[in-house]
């Protein structure tokens, strides 16, 4: 499979590579607040990925057939719902 040089993905990758190589060093100061903000963004992203993974994990299990979806009822439950319950009078 040959990659065309004129493809937009290839051009974007080369452009980012050249911009990254041509950047000069920055004389910047990162204080504790900046480090705390970076840590907060990383931990929030990890927590978001874990929650999304949990949601899609149950969908994956029901797709594979290991677990049933919660909306699906078993055959025994359908029969119980269809049959009226007779209770003795007191």
Protein backbone atom coordinates (compact mmCIF):
# COMPACT_ATOMS: atom_id res chain seq x y z
CA UNK A 1 0.00 0.00 0.00
CA UNK A 2 1.56 3.28 -1.09
CA UNK A 3 0.90 6.55 0.71
CA UNK A 4 0.39 9.57 -1.54
CA UNK A 5 2.54 12.54 -0.63
CA UNK A 6 -0.33 14.86 -1.40
CA UNK A 7 -2.64 13.36 1.20
CA UNK A 8 -3.81 15.88 3.77
CA UNK A 9 -2.84 13.71 6.73
CA UNK A 10 0.71 13.35 5.50
CA UNK A 11 1.02 17.10 4.89
CA UNK A 12 -0.38 17.92 8.32
CA UNK A 13 2.08 15.53 9.98
CA UNK A 14 5.02 17.03 8.13
CA UNK A 15 3.86 20.56 8.94
CA UNK A 16 3.63 19.80 12.66
CA UNK A 17 7.04 18.14 12.57
CA UNK A 18 8.69 21.16 10.95
CA UNK A 19 6.96 23.61 13.32
CA UNK A 20 8.08 21.54 16.31
CA UNK A 21 11.68 21.47 15.11
CA UNK A 22 11.82 25.18 14.39
CA UNK A 23 10.54 26.37 17.78
CA UNK A 24 13.14 28.10 19.90
CA UNK A 25 13.59 27.52 23.61
CA UNK A 26 11.19 29.34 25.89
CA UNK A 27 12.42 30.95 29.09
CA UNK A 28 9.30 30.36 31.13
CA UNK A 29 8.59 29.87 34.80
CA UNK A 30 6.14 27.23 36.01
CA UNK A 31 4.98 27.82 39.57
CA UNK A 32 3.19 25.40 41.90
CA UNK A 33 -0.24 26.55 40.71
CA UNK A 34 0.58 25.52 37.15
CA UNK A 35 1.77 22.09 38.26
CA UNK A 36 -1.37 21.66 40.33
CA UNK A 37 -3.52 22.59 37.34
CA UNK A 38 -1.71 20.11 35.09
CA UNK A 39 -2.15 17.37 37.71
CA UNK A 40 -5.83 18.22 38.05
CA UNK A 41 -6.39 17.99 34.28
CA UNK A 42 -4.59 14.64 34.11
CA UNK A 43 -6.55 13.15 37.03
CA UNK A 44 -9.85 14.47 35.65
CA UNK A 45 -9.07 12.96 32.26
CA UNK A 46 -8.22 9.60 33.80
CA UNK A 47 -11.44 9.64 35.85
CA UNK A 48 -13.46 10.51 32.74
CA UNK A 49 -11.87 7.67 30.79
CA UNK A 50 -12.61 5.22 33.60
CA UNK A 51 -16.28 6.23 33.76
CA UNK A 52 -16.64 6.03 29.97
CA UNK A 53 -14.88 2.66 30.00
CA UNK A 54 -17.28 1.35 32.63
CA UNK A 55 -20.30 2.42 30.59
CA UNK A 56 -19.02 0.89 27.38
CA UNK A 57 -17.76 -2.27 29.13
CA UNK A 58 -21.32 -3.27 30.06
CA UNK A 59 -22.47 -2.57 26.50
CA UNK A 60 -19.61 -4.71 25.21
CA UNK A 61 -20.52 -7.58 27.54
CA UNK A 62 -24.16 -7.49 26.44
CA UNK A 63 -23.08 -7.36 22.78
CA UNK A 64 -20.86 -10.42 23.20
CA UNK A 65 -23.64 -12.23 25.04
CA UNK A 66 -21.99 -12.64 28.41
CA UNK A 67 -24.56 -10.44 30.15
CA UNK A 68 -28.14 -9.53 29.35
CA UNK A 69 -29.19 -5.91 29.14
CA UNK A 70 -31.23 -4.65 32.07
CA UNK A 71 -34.28 -3.98 29.89
CA UNK A 72 -34.54 -7.62 28.86
CA UNK A 73 -36.57 -9.84 31.15
CA UNK A 74 -36.18 -13.59 31.45
CA UNK A 75 -38.90 -15.98 30.33
CA UNK A 76 -39.93 -16.77 33.90
CA UNK A 77 -40.49 -13.12 34.69
CA UNK A 78 -42.75 -12.68 31.64
CA UNK A 79 -44.93 -15.59 32.75
CA UNK A 80 -45.27 -14.16 36.26
CA UNK A 81 -46.31 -10.78 34.89
CA UNK A 82 -48.87 -12.31 32.53
CA UNK A 83 -50.46 -14.58 35.18
CA UNK A 84 -52.64 -12.73 37.73
CA UNK A 85 -51.77 -13.28 41.37
CA UNK A 86 -54.63 -14.81 43.42
CA UNK A 87 -54.47 -13.98 47.09
CA UNK A 88 -56.74 -15.47 49.72
CA UNK A 89 -59.15 -13.07 51.43
CA UNK A 90 -58.59 -12.39 55.09
